Protein backbone atom coordinates (compact mmCIF):
# COMPACT_ATOMS: atom_id res chain seq x y z
CA MET A 1 235.16 163.01 82.38
CA ALA A 2 233.66 163.20 78.94
CA THR A 3 231.68 160.20 77.87
CA ARG A 4 233.83 159.65 74.97
CA LEU A 5 236.83 159.10 77.05
CA ARG A 6 235.49 156.46 79.32
CA LYS A 7 236.93 152.67 79.18
CA SER A 8 233.10 151.34 78.33
CA ARG A 9 233.47 153.52 75.11
CA ARG A 10 236.93 152.09 74.12
CA GLN A 11 235.73 148.19 74.99
CA ARG A 12 232.69 148.48 72.74
CA GLY A 13 232.90 145.97 69.92
CA THR A 14 235.21 143.85 71.92
CA ARG A 15 233.87 140.48 72.93
CA PHE A 16 233.87 140.65 76.68
CA CYS A 17 233.96 144.35 77.40
CA GLY A 18 236.50 143.61 80.07
CA TRP A 19 234.86 141.08 82.18
CA GLY A 20 236.94 138.03 81.11
CA GLN A 21 236.02 135.41 78.92
CA ILE A 22 234.91 132.91 81.64
CA GLY A 23 232.12 134.66 83.49
CA GLN A 24 231.37 137.26 81.10
CA HIS A 25 229.75 139.33 84.21
CA ARG A 26 226.48 137.17 83.96
CA ALA A 27 226.70 135.58 87.25
CA SER A 28 223.55 133.66 87.67
CA GLY A 29 224.68 130.09 87.01
CA SER A 30 224.77 129.11 90.54
CA ARG A 31 221.25 129.93 91.09
CA GLY A 32 219.56 128.34 87.86
CA GLY A 33 219.09 131.69 86.06
CA VAL A 34 217.54 135.05 86.83
CA GLY A 35 213.70 135.84 86.99
CA GLY A 36 211.32 133.09 85.82
CA ALA A 37 214.30 131.06 84.02
CA GLY A 38 213.64 127.36 84.09
CA LYS A 39 210.02 127.27 85.23
CA HIS A 40 209.27 124.83 82.31
CA LYS A 41 212.49 122.81 82.85
CA HIS A 42 214.63 122.57 85.97
CA PHE A 43 212.12 124.56 88.13
CA TYR A 44 209.24 122.75 86.95
CA ILE A 45 208.42 121.24 90.40
CA ARG A 46 208.72 124.44 92.29
CA THR A 47 206.42 125.85 89.72
CA VAL A 48 203.68 123.43 89.94
CA ILE A 49 203.68 123.54 93.96
CA GLU A 50 203.96 127.31 94.31
CA GLU A 51 202.11 128.51 91.18
CA PRO A 52 199.82 125.77 89.94
CA ASP A 53 197.91 128.14 87.42
CA HIS A 54 201.20 129.66 86.00
CA PHE A 55 200.90 127.87 82.57
CA GLY A 56 198.02 128.09 80.32
CA HIS A 57 195.57 131.11 80.03
CA GLU A 58 192.33 132.18 80.69
CA GLN A 59 189.41 130.88 79.03
CA PHE A 60 187.44 133.12 76.80
CA HIS A 61 183.93 134.06 78.14
CA ALA A 62 181.09 135.71 76.24
CA MET A 63 180.36 139.12 77.14
CA ARG A 64 176.81 138.09 78.25
CA LYS A 65 175.72 134.56 78.64
CA SER A 66 172.39 133.51 76.60
CA ASP A 67 170.28 131.17 78.80
CA VAL A 68 168.70 129.86 75.50
CA SER A 69 170.36 126.77 74.59
CA LYS A 70 167.55 124.96 72.35
CA TRP A 71 164.87 127.11 70.47
CA LEU A 72 161.91 126.07 68.18
CA ASN A 73 160.07 127.92 65.24
CA VAL A 74 156.57 128.13 64.77
CA LYS A 75 156.56 126.09 61.80
CA ASP A 76 157.86 123.02 63.85
CA LEU A 77 154.84 123.13 66.30
CA ASN A 78 152.83 120.76 64.41
CA GLN A 79 155.47 118.17 64.52
CA LEU A 80 155.19 118.32 68.59
CA MET A 81 151.38 118.02 68.57
CA LYS A 82 151.86 114.39 69.71
CA HIS A 83 153.26 115.75 72.99
CA SER A 84 150.24 118.17 73.63
CA LYS A 85 147.54 117.78 76.16
CA ALA A 86 143.85 118.93 76.08
CA ASN A 87 142.47 120.54 79.10
CA GLU A 88 138.81 120.57 80.13
CA ASP A 89 137.85 123.38 77.87
CA GLY A 90 138.91 121.59 74.80
CA LYS A 91 142.09 123.74 74.36
CA ILE A 92 145.42 122.17 73.16
CA ILE A 93 148.11 123.09 75.58
CA LEU A 94 151.61 122.36 74.50
CA ASP A 95 154.41 122.88 77.28
CA LEU A 96 157.58 123.53 75.63
CA ASP A 97 159.34 124.13 78.75
CA GLU A 98 158.89 120.31 79.83
CA LEU A 99 160.35 119.53 76.35
CA GLY A 100 163.39 121.39 76.98
CA TYR A 101 162.93 124.21 74.58
CA GLY A 102 163.79 127.72 75.92
CA LYS A 103 162.53 130.22 73.33
CA LEU A 104 159.77 130.09 70.37
CA LEU A 105 160.84 131.92 67.14
CA GLY A 106 158.58 133.12 64.51
CA VAL A 107 159.50 131.51 61.30
CA GLY A 108 156.71 129.72 59.45
CA GLN A 109 152.82 129.54 60.16
CA VAL A 110 150.80 127.95 62.81
CA ASP A 111 147.78 125.51 61.64
CA ALA A 112 145.79 125.17 64.88
CA ALA A 113 145.04 127.35 67.70
CA LEU A 114 147.20 126.41 70.67
CA THR A 115 148.24 127.36 74.07
CA ILE A 116 151.95 127.43 74.52
CA LYS A 117 153.67 127.58 77.76
CA ILE A 118 157.23 128.48 77.41
CA LYS A 119 160.04 130.99 78.98
CA LYS A 120 160.55 133.25 75.95
CA VAL A 121 158.88 134.30 72.76
CA SER A 122 159.73 136.35 69.87
CA LYS A 123 157.13 139.08 68.89
CA SER A 124 156.39 137.74 65.48
CA ALA A 125 156.02 134.10 66.93
CA LYS A 126 153.55 135.49 69.53
CA ASP A 127 151.30 137.46 66.96
CA LYS A 128 151.13 134.47 64.71
CA ILE A 129 149.94 132.28 67.41
CA ASN A 130 147.57 134.87 68.56
CA GLN A 131 146.09 135.42 64.81
CA ALA A 132 145.59 131.54 64.89
CA GLY A 133 143.53 131.81 67.73
CA GLY A 134 145.57 130.48 70.34
CA GLU A 135 147.66 132.09 73.34
CA VAL A 136 151.23 132.12 74.66
CA LEU A 137 151.74 131.57 78.43
CA ILE A 138 155.46 132.72 79.48
CA SER A 139 156.72 130.67 82.40
CA ASN A 140 158.02 133.65 84.36
CA GLU A 141 155.00 135.48 84.38
CA LEU A 142 153.08 132.40 85.53
CA THR A 143 155.30 131.82 88.64
CA ALA A 144 155.71 135.47 89.33
């Protein structure tokens, strides 16, 4: 039979398309809906028990996690001199790891010859400390 002669073509535009005005060919009322219907309303308890992670979303994660949470510039070393110790040779040793710093950056100038212990250091900071007569001891290299 040609498509244009089918009953469904004649019923397009009518309200119920031949399924009556009560049920309207939906037939999902006795089970609370189809699919994921009611997960936030009448099926909420079932959702919480069976799928506890259904609501919400994944947290956003950085592509690479930086392990440096606290850093310091070379210009700020003079303020931390009160935390330094002198060894038997008379060198001033400043342990930035112990003070909670993760990296030393190269902004500013250093006044004194310091021996600095830290996990990470930028190239410019290392050069400035070496020019002032000091040295940088990287913690990872000391333990390895």
